[in-house]
């Protein structure tokens, strides 16, 4: 009941506001979360200082603030997705080269499509079904709140994206008879079980990494495609596709995963404020957070 009231009385009405007003709300929360009640300030600055050691202390603080501006926009834009139209989503997320991935669909070839928690992946999920020819399969982690899990799932899928919970992905892939789909995976989260991961170098740090994208690409012999999302200006983004490998079976174990993180790392160095710095990404790296003040 409380969840329904929160959604219908607060979240849904907010999502109906025009963007210019929503960004006023974002500016307000930026001030609150940056200066009044700093949101995960120590974790963000610690992550940045370790991953980008060439930055001075002053530059780390400046980057945290720049990230928080984007983060507040990201939250507001995610709320807007509950009422955004398909046309509006496509206008705000330009597909630069959809022909790169559509070429595989024209050959009736399924792919693995990946990206990191960079720029605005939620908006892309809303805009993607229109310009892409594959049936898009989005893998997501179930929310503990059943009401909000359904609302988020319904919102993301209303323009054609098919949603599959993380724990059901293997069964879905084994049972599906769809001859031409694109399995969409985020790959840069911290693994829940470090014993079921590969270890790679990411931003100069020995890092535990999820292996799912490489696993499905090699086992199913599907091309692996990366989506670079960039922020053009406030509220407007674009995505550019890059084929990481069209012959994944020829790669040695861990090679494709490392390649994905190398690509993401290059994006982060280009615009570091667009990556999600708020979580303890390296919690499985021994003693990484040892110096972090609580």
C-alpha atoms as a PDB file:
ATOM      1  CA  UNK A   1       0.000   0.000   0.000  1.00  0.00           C
ATOM      2  CA  UNK A   2       2.769   2.431   0.953  1.00  0.00           C
ATOM      3  CA  UNK A   3       4.636   1.630  -2.252  1.00  0.00           C
ATOM      4  CA  UNK A   4       1.533   2.267  -4.353  1.00  0.00           C
ATOM      5  CA  UNK A   5       0.908   5.600  -2.632  1.00  0.00           C
ATOM      6  CA  UNK A   6       4.516   6.649  -3.156  1.00  0.00           C
ATOM      7  CA  UNK A   7       4.311   5.789  -6.831  1.00  0.00           C
ATOM      8  CA  UNK A   8       0.917   7.293  -7.650  1.00  0.00           C
ATOM      9  CA  UNK A   9       1.156  10.384  -5.424  1.00  0.00           C
ATOM     10  CA  UNK A  10       4.825  11.321  -5.914  1.00  0.00           C
ATOM     11  CA  UNK A  11       6.777   9.407  -8.562  1.00  0.00           C
ATOM     12  CA  UNK A  12       4.171   9.322 -11.324  1.00  0.00           C
ATOM     13  CA  UNK A  13       3.206  13.024 -10.965  1.00  0.00           C
ATOM     14  CA  UNK A  14       6.900  13.983 -11.018  1.00  0.00           C
ATOM     15  CA  UNK A  15       7.383  11.972 -14.212  1.00  0.00           C
ATOM     16  CA  UNK A  16       4.644  14.036 -15.895  1.00  0.00           C
ATOM     17  CA  UNK A  17       6.472  17.324 -15.307  1.00  0.00           C
ATOM     18  CA  UNK A  18       8.166  19.001 -18.293  1.00  0.00           C
ATOM     19  CA  UNK A  19      11.932  18.606 -18.516  1.00  0.00           C
ATOM     20  CA  UNK A  20      12.683  22.253 -17.734  1.00  0.00           C
ATOM     21  CA  UNK A  21      10.897  21.890 -14.406  1.00  0.00           C
ATOM     22  CA  UNK A  22      12.428  18.491 -13.696  1.00  0.00           C
ATOM     23  CA  UNK A  23      15.900  19.978 -14.092  1.00  0.00           C
ATOM     24  CA  UNK A  24      14.988  22.601 -11.495  1.00  0.00           C
ATOM     25  CA  UNK A  25      14.239  19.715  -9.132  1.00  0.00           C
ATOM     26  CA  UNK A  26      17.569  18.123 -10.107  1.00  0.00           C
ATOM     27  CA  UNK A  27      19.423  21.382  -9.332  1.00  0.00           C
ATOM     28  CA  UNK A  28      17.795  21.501  -5.899  1.00  0.00           C
ATOM     29  CA  UNK A  29      18.807  17.935  -5.072  1.00  0.00           C
ATOM     30  CA  UNK A  30      22.323  18.603  -6.357  1.00  0.00           C
ATOM     31  CA  UNK A  31      22.742  21.297  -3.703  1.00  0.00           C
ATOM     32  CA  UNK A  32      21.278  19.064  -0.989  1.00  0.00           C
ATOM     33  CA  UNK A  33      23.299  15.960  -1.894  1.00  0.00           C
ATOM     34  CA  UNK A  34      26.543  17.851  -2.513  1.00  0.00           C
ATOM     35  CA  UNK A  35      26.585  20.343   0.364  1.00  0.00           C
ATOM     36  CA  UNK A  36      23.815  19.771   2.920  1.00  0.00           C
ATOM     37  CA  UNK A  37      23.774  15.977   3.257  1.00  0.00           C
ATOM     38  CA  UNK A  38      26.657  14.809   1.013  1.00  0.00           C
ATOM     39  CA  UNK A  39      25.651  11.561  -0.670  1.00  0.00           C
ATOM     40  CA  UNK A  40      28.352   8.886  -0.416  1.00  0.00           C
ATOM     41  CA  UNK A  41      30.971  11.618  -0.573  1.00  0.00           C
ATOM     42  CA  UNK A  42      33.807   9.545   0.878  1.00  0.00           C
ATOM     43  CA  UNK A  43      33.134   6.519  -1.342  1.00  0.00           C
ATOM     44  CA  UNK A  44      32.911   8.629  -4.503  1.00  0.00           C
ATOM     45  CA  UNK A  45      36.083  10.598  -3.792  1.00  0.00           C
ATOM     46  CA  UNK A  46      37.946   7.478  -2.683  1.00  0.00           C
ATOM     47  CA  UNK A  47      36.986   5.616  -5.874  1.00  0.00           C
ATOM     48  CA  UNK A  48      38.012   8.569  -8.038  1.00  0.00           C
ATOM     49  CA  UNK A  49      41.332   9.095  -6.262  1.00  0.00           C
ATOM     50  CA  UNK A  50      42.263   5.414  -6.645  1.00  0.00           C
ATOM     51  CA  UNK A  51      41.054   5.006 -10.229  1.00  0.00           C
ATOM     52  CA  UNK A  52      42.393   8.356 -11.460  1.00  0.00           C
ATOM     53  CA  UNK A  53      45.524   8.866  -9.329  1.00  0.00           C
ATOM     54  CA  UNK A  54      46.841  11.638 -11.585  1.00  0.00           C
ATOM     55  CA  UNK A  55      44.139  13.976 -10.243  1.00  0.00           C
ATOM     56  CA  UNK A  56      44.960  16.348  -7.397  1.00  0.00           C
ATOM     57  CA  UNK A  57      42.790  16.444  -4.288  1.00  0.00           C
ATOM     58  CA  UNK A  58      41.144  19.616  -5.584  1.00  0.00           C
ATOM     59  CA  UNK A  59      40.451  17.971  -8.944  1.00  0.00           C
ATOM     60  CA  UNK A  60      38.938  14.926  -7.229  1.00  0.00           C
ATOM     61  CA  UNK A  61      36.505  17.161  -5.339  1.00  0.00           C
ATOM     62  CA  UNK A  62      35.649  19.051  -8.533  1.00  0.00           C
ATOM     63  CA  UNK A  63      35.003  15.774 -10.380  1.00  0.00           C
ATOM     64  CA  UNK A  64      32.769  14.511  -7.560  1.00  0.00           C
ATOM     65  CA  UNK A  65      30.637  17.651  -7.863  1.00  0.00           C
ATOM     66  CA  UNK A  66      30.509  17.351 -11.644  1.00  0.00           C
ATOM     67  CA  UNK A  67      29.471  13.711 -11.282  1.00  0.00           C
ATOM     68  CA  UNK A  68      26.777  14.623  -8.750  1.00  0.00           C
ATOM     69  CA  UNK A  69      25.234  17.079 -11.221  1.00  0.00           C
ATOM     70  CA  UNK A  70      24.997  14.290 -13.761  1.00  0.00           C
ATOM     71  CA  UNK A  71      23.826  11.779 -11.143  1.00  0.00           C
ATOM     72  CA  UNK A  72      20.938  14.016 -10.034  1.00  0.00           C
ATOM     73  CA  UNK A  73      19.946  14.493 -13.682  1.00  0.00           C
ATOM     74  CA  UNK A  74      20.145  10.720 -14.176  1.00  0.00           C
ATOM     75  CA  UNK A  75      17.754  10.064 -11.286  1.00  0.00           C
ATOM     76  CA  UNK A  76      15.274  12.655 -12.530  1.00  0.00           C
ATOM     77  CA  UNK A  77      15.512  11.396 -16.111  1.00  0.00           C
ATOM     78  CA  UNK A  78      14.903   7.842 -14.872  1.00  0.00           C
ATOM     79  CA  UNK A  79      11.708   8.999 -13.159  1.00  0.00           C
ATOM     80  CA  UNK A  80      10.652  10.679 -16.398  1.00  0.00           C
ATOM     81  CA  UNK A  81      10.843   7.268 -18.101  1.00  0.00           C
ATOM     82  CA  UNK A  82       7.609   6.268 -16.363  1.00  0.00           C
ATOM     83  CA  UNK A  83       5.712   8.635 -18.685  1.00  0.00           C
ATOM     84  CA  UNK A  84       8.084   9.373 -21.584  1.00  0.00           C
ATOM     85  CA  UNK A  85       6.764   8.707 -25.080  1.00  0.00           C
ATOM     86  CA  UNK A  86       8.606   6.542 -27.600  1.00  0.00           C
ATOM     87  CA  UNK A  87       9.112   9.559 -29.855  1.00  0.00           C
ATOM     88  CA  UNK A  88      10.556  11.630 -27.012  1.00  0.00           C
ATOM     89  CA  UNK A  89      12.908   8.836 -25.968  1.00  0.00           C
ATOM     90  CA  UNK A  90      14.227   8.497 -29.523  1.00  0.00           C
ATOM     91  CA  UNK A  91      14.671  12.272 -29.835  1.00  0.00           C
ATOM     92  CA  UNK A  92      16.789  12.315 -26.684  1.00  0.00           C
ATOM     93  CA  UNK A  93      18.842   9.186 -27.482  1.00  0.00           C
ATOM     94  CA  UNK A  94      20.290   9.340 -30.984  1.00  0.00           C
ATOM     95  CA  UNK A  95      21.524   6.106 -32.553  1.00  0.00           C
ATOM     96  CA  UNK A  96      24.607   7.136 -34.545  1.00  0.00           C
ATOM     97  CA  UNK A  97      25.258   3.891 -36.413  1.00  0.00           C
ATOM     98  CA  UNK A  98      22.417   1.379 -35.930  1.00  0.00           C
ATOM     99  CA  UNK A  99      23.465  -0.279 -39.187  1.00  0.00           C
ATOM    100  CA  UNK A 100      26.419  -1.864 -37.353  1.00  0.00           C
ATOM    101  CA  UNK A 101      24.155  -4.041 -35.230  1.00  0.00           C
ATOM    102  CA  UNK A 102      21.301  -4.230 -37.743  1.00  0.00           C
ATOM    103  CA  UNK A 103      23.656  -5.883 -40.227  1.00  0.00           C
ATOM    104  CA  UNK A 104      23.696  -8.956 -37.969  1.00  0.00           C
ATOM    105  CA  UNK A 105      19.883  -8.981 -37.783  1.00  0.00           C
ATOM    106  CA  UNK A 106      19.680  -8.856 -41.573  1.00  0.00           C
ATOM    107  CA  UNK A 107      21.736 -12.068 -41.589  1.00  0.00           C
ATOM    108  CA  UNK A 108      19.396 -13.507 -38.960  1.00  0.00           C
ATOM    109  CA  UNK A 109      22.264 -13.581 -36.464  1.00  0.00           C
ATOM    110  CA  UNK A 110      21.730 -12.994 -32.753  1.00  0.00           C
ATOM    111  CA  UNK A 111      24.209 -10.889 -30.778  1.00  0.00           C
ATOM    112  CA  UNK A 112      25.327 -10.046 -27.249  1.00  0.00           C
ATOM    113  CA  UNK A 113      24.992  -6.293 -26.719  1.00  0.00           C
ATOM    114  CA  UNK A 114      26.813  -4.809 -23.723  1.00  0.00           C
ATOM    115  CA  UNK A 115      27.469  -1.540 -21.958  1.00  0.00           C
ATOM    116  CA  UNK A 116      28.550  -0.135 -18.636  1.00  0.00           C
ATOM    117  CA  UNK A 117      26.800   2.037 -16.077  1.00  0.00           C
ATOM    118  CA  UNK A 118      27.780   5.099 -18.033  1.00  0.00           C
ATOM    119  CA  UNK A 119      25.821   8.186 -19.180  1.00  0.00           C
ATOM    120  CA  UNK A 120      22.129   7.156 -19.348  1.00  0.00           C
ATOM    121  CA  UNK A 121      21.622   3.448 -19.956  1.00  0.00           C
ATOM    122  CA  UNK A 122      17.993   3.615 -18.737  1.00  0.00           C
ATOM    123  CA  UNK A 123      16.973   6.083 -21.440  1.00  0.00           C
ATOM    124  CA  UNK A 124      18.716   3.962 -24.077  1.00  0.00           C
ATOM    125  CA  UNK A 125      16.622   0.941 -23.015  1.00  0.00           C
ATOM    126  CA  UNK A 126      13.500   2.992 -23.741  1.00  0.00           C
ATOM    127  CA  UNK A 127      14.707   4.282 -27.112  1.00  0.00           C
ATOM    128  CA  UNK A 128      16.434   1.182 -28.515  1.00  0.00           C
ATOM    129  CA  UNK A 129      13.563  -0.986 -29.817  1.00  0.00           C
ATOM    130  CA  UNK A 130      12.586   1.421 -32.614  1.00  0.00           C
ATOM    131  CA  UNK A 131      15.868   1.730 -34.589  1.00  0.00           C
ATOM    132  CA  UNK A 132      17.184  -1.788 -33.938  1.00  0.00           C
ATOM    133  CA  UNK A 133      15.935  -4.848 -35.824  1.00  0.00           C
ATOM    134  CA  UNK A 134      16.685  -7.529 -33.222  1.00  0.00           C
ATOM    135  CA  UNK A 135      14.249  -8.568 -30.534  1.00  0.00           C
ATOM    136  CA  UNK A 136      15.921  -6.897 -27.553  1.00  0.00           C
ATOM    137  CA  UNK A 137      16.253  -8.936 -24.353  1.00  0.00           C
ATOM    138  CA  UNK A 138      17.146  -6.865 -21.301  1.00  0.00           C
ATOM    139  CA  UNK A 139      18.667  -8.686 -18.335  1.00  0.00           C
ATOM    140  CA  UNK A 140      17.813  -7.009 -15.037  1.00  0.00           C
ATOM    141  CA  UNK A 141      18.125  -7.620 -11.321  1.00  0.00           C
ATOM    142  CA  UNK A 142      14.778  -8.043  -9.572  1.00  0.00           C
ATOM    143  CA  UNK A 143      13.899  -5.404  -6.973  1.00  0.00           C
ATOM    144  CA  UNK A 144      13.070  -6.670  -3.492  1.00  0.00           C
ATOM    145  CA  UNK A 145       9.854  -4.622  -3.538  1.00  0.00           C
ATOM    146  CA  UNK A 146       7.407  -6.534  -5.750  1.00  0.00           C
ATOM    147  CA  UNK A 147       5.301  -3.462  -6.564  1.00  0.00           C
ATOM    148  CA  UNK A 148       8.233  -1.393  -7.806  1.00  0.00           C
ATOM    149  CA  UNK A 149       9.767  -4.383  -9.537  1.00  0.00           C
ATOM    150  CA  UNK A 150       6.630  -4.684 -11.661  1.00  0.00           C
ATOM    151  CA  UNK A 151       6.414  -0.943 -12.311  1.00  0.00           C
ATOM    152  CA  UNK A 152      10.039  -0.711 -13.452  1.00  0.00           C
ATOM    153  CA  UNK A 153       9.715  -3.860 -15.562  1.00  0.00           C
ATOM    154  CA  UNK A 154       6.500  -2.628 -17.196  1.00  0.00           C
ATOM    155  CA  UNK A 155       8.002   0.801 -17.857  1.00  0.00           C
ATOM    156  CA  UNK A 156      11.149  -0.537 -19.495  1.00  0.00           C
ATOM    157  CA  UNK A 157       9.273  -3.036 -21.659  1.00  0.00           C
ATOM    158  CA  UNK A 158       6.405  -0.888 -22.947  1.00  0.00           C
ATOM    159  CA  UNK A 159       8.178   0.014 -26.219  1.00  0.00           C
ATOM    160  CA  UNK A 160       9.254  -3.519 -27.099  1.00  0.00           C
ATOM    161  CA  UNK A 161      12.134  -4.488 -24.793  1.00  0.00           C
ATOM    162  CA  UNK A 162      11.640  -7.972 -23.314  1.00  0.00           C
ATOM    163  CA  UNK A 163      12.822  -8.208 -19.688  1.00  0.00           C
ATOM    164  CA  UNK A 164      14.446 -11.299 -18.151  1.00  0.00           C
ATOM    165  CA  UNK A 165      15.565 -11.489 -14.481  1.00  0.00           C
ATOM    166  CA  UNK A 166      19.268 -12.165 -13.959  1.00  0.00           C
ATOM    167  CA  UNK A 167      18.734 -15.535 -12.306  1.00  0.00           C
ATOM    168  CA  UNK A 168      16.492 -16.719 -15.140  1.00  0.00           C
ATOM    169  CA  UNK A 169      18.834 -15.714 -17.969  1.00  0.00           C
ATOM    170  CA  UNK A 170      20.497 -19.109 -18.404  1.00  0.00           C
ATOM    171  CA  UNK A 171      17.141 -20.915 -18.569  1.00  0.00           C
ATOM    172  CA  UNK A 172      15.767 -18.333 -20.971  1.00  0.00           C
ATOM    173  CA  UNK A 173      18.737 -18.681 -23.293  1.00  0.00           C
ATOM    174  CA  UNK A 174      18.470 -22.477 -23.202  1.00  0.00           C
ATOM    175  CA  UNK A 175      14.749 -22.511 -23.956  1.00  0.00           C
ATOM    176  CA  UNK A 176      14.220 -19.564 -26.296  1.00  0.00           C
ATOM    177  CA  UNK A 177      13.432 -20.297 -29.909  1.00  0.00           C
ATOM    178  CA  UNK A 178      13.832 -16.695 -31.039  1.00  0.00           C
ATOM    179  CA  UNK A 179      16.141 -16.908 -34.070  1.00  0.00           C
ATOM    180  CA  UNK A 180      17.270 -13.288 -33.947  1.00  0.00           C
ATOM    181  CA  UNK A 181      17.620 -11.494 -30.639  1.00  0.00           C
ATOM    182  CA  UNK A 182      20.083  -9.225 -28.865  1.00  0.00           C
ATOM    183  CA  UNK A 183      20.822 -10.117 -25.257  1.00  0.00           C
ATOM    184  CA  UNK A 184      21.582  -6.868 -23.400  1.00  0.00           C
ATOM    185  CA  UNK A 185      23.976  -7.068 -20.457  1.00  0.00           C
ATOM    186  CA  UNK A 186      25.671  -4.563 -18.167  1.00  0.00           C
ATOM    187  CA  UNK A 187      29.097  -5.916 -17.296  1.00  0.00           C
ATOM    188  CA  UNK A 188      30.782  -3.462 -14.909  1.00  0.00           C
ATOM    189  CA  UNK A 189      29.024  -4.268 -11.616  1.00  0.00           C
ATOM    190  CA  UNK A 190      30.953  -5.754  -8.729  1.00  0.00           C
ATOM    191  CA  UNK A 191      30.308  -9.536  -8.794  1.00  0.00           C
ATOM    192  CA  UNK A 192      28.248 -10.878  -5.896  1.00  0.00           C
ATOM    193  CA  UNK A 193      30.465 -13.962  -5.695  1.00  0.00           C
ATOM    194  CA  UNK A 194      34.193 -13.351  -6.307  1.00  0.00           C
ATOM    195  CA  UNK A 195      34.684 -17.102  -6.737  1.00  0.00           C
ATOM    196  CA  UNK A 196      32.558 -17.004  -9.903  1.00  0.00           C
ATOM    197  CA  UNK A 197      34.342 -14.238 -11.766  1.00  0.00           C
ATOM    198  CA  UNK A 198      37.456 -13.448 -13.730  1.00  0.00           C
ATOM    199  CA  UNK A 199      40.130 -11.008 -12.608  1.00  0.00           C
ATOM    200  CA  UNK A 200      41.097  -8.217 -14.954  1.00  0.00           C
ATOM    201  CA  UNK A 201      42.866  -4.845 -14.920  1.00  0.00           C
ATOM    202  CA  UNK A 202      40.449  -1.945 -14.831  1.00  0.00           C
ATOM    203  CA  UNK A 203      41.544   1.658 -14.314  1.00  0.00           C
ATOM    204  CA  UNK A 204      44.890   0.330 -13.143  1.00  0.00           C
ATOM    205  CA  UNK A 205      43.278  -1.800 -10.431  1.00  0.00           C
ATOM    206  CA  UNK A 206      43.197  -5.596 -10.102  1.00  0.00           C
ATOM    207  CA  UNK A 207      39.423  -6.063 -10.348  1.00  0.00           C
ATOM    208  CA  UNK A 208      36.873  -8.861 -10.070  1.00  0.00           C
ATOM    209  CA  UNK A 209      34.686  -8.904 -13.164  1.00  0.00           C
ATOM    210  CA  UNK A 210      31.453 -10.530 -14.281  1.00  0.00           C
ATOM    211  CA  UNK A 211      31.981 -13.177 -16.940  1.00  0.00           C
ATOM    212  CA  UNK A 212      28.448 -13.404 -18.360  1.00  0.00           C
ATOM    213  CA  UNK A 213      28.888 -11.396 -21.559  1.00  0.00           C
ATOM    214  CA  UNK A 214      31.934 -13.380 -22.622  1.00  0.00           C
ATOM    215  CA  UNK A 215      30.338 -16.668 -21.531  1.00  0.00           C
ATOM    216  CA  UNK A 216      27.199 -16.213 -23.640  1.00  0.00           C
ATOM    217  CA  UNK A 217      29.154 -14.849 -26.615  1.00  0.00           C
ATOM    218  CA  UNK A 218      31.539 -17.810 -26.710  1.00  0.00           C
ATOM    219  CA  UNK A 219      29.104 -20.594 -25.800  1.00  0.00           C
ATOM    220  CA  UNK A 220      26.451 -19.401 -28.257  1.00  0.00           C
ATOM    221  CA  UNK A 221      28.949 -18.142 -30.847  1.00  0.00           C
ATOM    222  CA  UNK A 222      27.317 -14.720 -30.926  1.00  0.00           C
ATOM    223  CA  UNK A 223      29.080 -11.512 -31.976  1.00  0.00           C
ATOM    224  CA  UNK A 224      29.862  -9.241 -29.043  1.00  0.00           C
ATOM    225  CA  UNK A 225      28.859  -5.596 -29.552  1.00  0.00           C
ATOM    226  CA  UNK A 226      29.592  -2.644 -27.251  1.00  0.00           C
ATOM    227  CA  UNK A 227      27.365   0.432 -26.991  1.00  0.00           C
ATOM    228  CA  UNK A 228      29.205   3.708 -26.312  1.00  0.00           C
ATOM    229  CA  UNK A 229      26.726   6.180 -24.796  1.00  0.00           C
ATOM    230  CA  UNK A 230      27.746   9.836 -24.726  1.00  0.00           C
ATOM    231  CA  UNK A 231      26.065  12.871 -23.215  1.00  0.00           C
ATOM    232  CA  UNK A 232      25.729  15.603 -25.841  1.00  0.00           C
ATOM    233  CA  UNK A 233      24.082  18.163 -23.588  1.00  0.00           C
ATOM    234  CA  UNK A 234      21.690  18.125 -20.672  1.00  0.00           C
ATOM    235  CA  UNK A 235      18.956  15.597 -21.397  1.00  0.00           C
ATOM    236  CA  UNK A 236      20.347  14.518 -24.772  1.00  0.00           C
ATOM    237  CA  UNK A 237      22.539  11.499 -25.497  1.00  0.00           C
ATOM    238  CA  UNK A 238      23.793   9.382 -28.348  1.00  0.00           C
ATOM    239  CA  UNK A 239      24.939   5.792 -28.698  1.00  0.00           C
ATOM    240  CA  UNK A 240      27.590   4.430 -31.071  1.00  0.00           C
ATOM    241  CA  UNK A 241      28.034   0.693 -31.588  1.00  0.00           C
ATOM    242  CA  UNK A 242      31.379  -1.067 -31.812  1.00  0.00           C
ATOM    243  CA  UNK A 243      31.861  -4.731 -32.712  1.00  0.00           C
ATOM    244  CA  UNK A 244      34.213  -6.115 -30.072  1.00  0.00           C
ATOM    245  CA  UNK A 245      34.410  -9.555 -31.682  1.00  0.00           C
ATOM    246  CA  UNK A 246      32.474 -11.307 -34.426  1.00  0.00           C
ATOM    247  CA  UNK A 247      34.421 -14.529 -33.795  1.00  0.00           C
ATOM    248  CA  UNK A 248      34.217 -14.873 -29.976  1.00  0.00           C
ATOM    249  CA  UNK A 249      35.097 -18.581 -29.946  1.00  0.00           C
ATOM    250  CA  UNK A 250      38.626 -17.728 -31.105  1.00  0.00           C
ATOM    251  CA  UNK A 251      39.356 -15.723 -27.931  1.00  0.00           C
ATOM    252  CA  UNK A 252      41.062 -17.237 -24.894  1.00  0.00           C
ATOM    253  CA  UNK A 253      39.229 -17.167 -21.568  1.00  0.00           C
ATOM    254  CA  UNK A 254      39.111 -13.696 -20.079  1.00  0.00           C
ATOM    255  CA  UNK A 255      40.312 -11.950 -23.226  1.00  0.00           C
ATOM    256  CA  UNK A 256      36.928 -10.537 -24.249  1.00  0.00           C
ATOM    257  CA  UNK A 257      36.080  -9.451 -20.710  1.00  0.00           C
ATOM    258  CA  UNK A 258      39.369  -7.564 -20.468  1.00  0.00           C
ATOM    259  CA  UNK A 259      38.698  -5.991 -23.859  1.00  0.00           C
ATOM    260  CA  UNK A 260      35.277  -4.750 -22.689  1.00  0.00           C
ATOM    261  CA  UNK A 261      36.784  -3.121 -19.617  1.00  0.00           C
ATOM    262  CA  UNK A 262      39.511  -1.528 -21.711  1.00  0.00           C
ATOM    263  CA  UNK A 263      36.834   0.060 -23.900  1.00  0.00           C
ATOM    264  CA  UNK A 264      34.858   1.272 -20.888  1.00  0.00           C
ATOM    265  CA  UNK A 265      38.051   2.619 -19.313  1.00  0.00           C
ATOM    266  CA  UNK A 266      38.716   4.726 -22.407  1.00  0.00           C
ATOM    267  CA  UNK A 267      35.188   6.163 -22.158  1.00  0.00           C
ATOM    268  CA  UNK A 268      35.712   6.942 -18.476  1.00  0.00           C
ATOM    269  CA  UNK A 269      38.990   8.743 -19.120  1.00  0.00           C
ATOM    270  CA  UNK A 270      37.239  10.799 -21.795  1.00  0.00           C
ATOM    271  CA  UNK A 271      34.321  11.894 -19.570  1.00  0.00           C
ATOM    272  CA  UNK A 272      34.778  10.484 -16.046  1.00  0.00           C
ATOM    273  CA  UNK A 273      31.762  12.326 -14.645  1.00  0.00           C
ATOM    274  CA  UNK A 274      29.423  10.034 -16.613  1.00  0.00           C
ATOM    275  CA  UNK A 275      30.393   6.777 -14.875  1.00  0.00           C
ATOM    276  CA  UNK A 276      28.628   5.568 -11.720  1.00  0.00           C
ATOM    277  CA  UNK A 277      31.138   6.243  -8.923  1.00  0.00           C
ATOM    278  CA  UNK A 278      28.755   5.782  -5.987  1.00  0.00           C
ATOM    279  CA  UNK A 279      29.272   2.105  -5.162  1.00  0.00           C
ATOM    280  CA  UNK A 280      32.142   0.061  -3.749  1.00  0.00           C
ATOM    281  CA  UNK A 281      33.110  -1.344  -7.132  1.00  0.00           C
ATOM    282  CA  UNK A 282      36.354  -2.856  -5.829  1.00  0.00           C
ATOM    283  CA  UNK A 283      35.086  -4.452  -2.621  1.00  0.00           C
ATOM    284  CA  UNK A 284      36.562  -7.810  -3.657  1.00  0.00           C
ATOM    285  CA  UNK A 285      40.011  -6.361  -4.310  1.00  0.00           C
ATOM    286  CA  UNK A 286      42.009  -7.137  -1.138  1.00  0.00           C
ATOM    287  CA  UNK A 287      42.447  -4.124   1.179  1.00  0.00           C
ATOM    288  CA  UNK A 288      41.215  -1.692  -1.481  1.00  0.00           C
ATOM    289  CA  UNK A 289      38.873   0.150   0.885  1.00  0.00           C
ATOM    290  CA  UNK A 290      41.095  -0.270   3.934  1.00  0.00           C
ATOM    291  CA  UNK A 291      41.947   3.447   4.042  1.00  0.00           C
ATOM    292  CA  UNK A 292      38.369   4.629   3.534  1.00  0.00           C
ATOM    293  CA  UNK A 293      37.026   6.570   6.498  1.00  0.00           C
ATOM    294  CA  UNK A 294      33.534   5.596   7.534  1.00  0.00           C
END
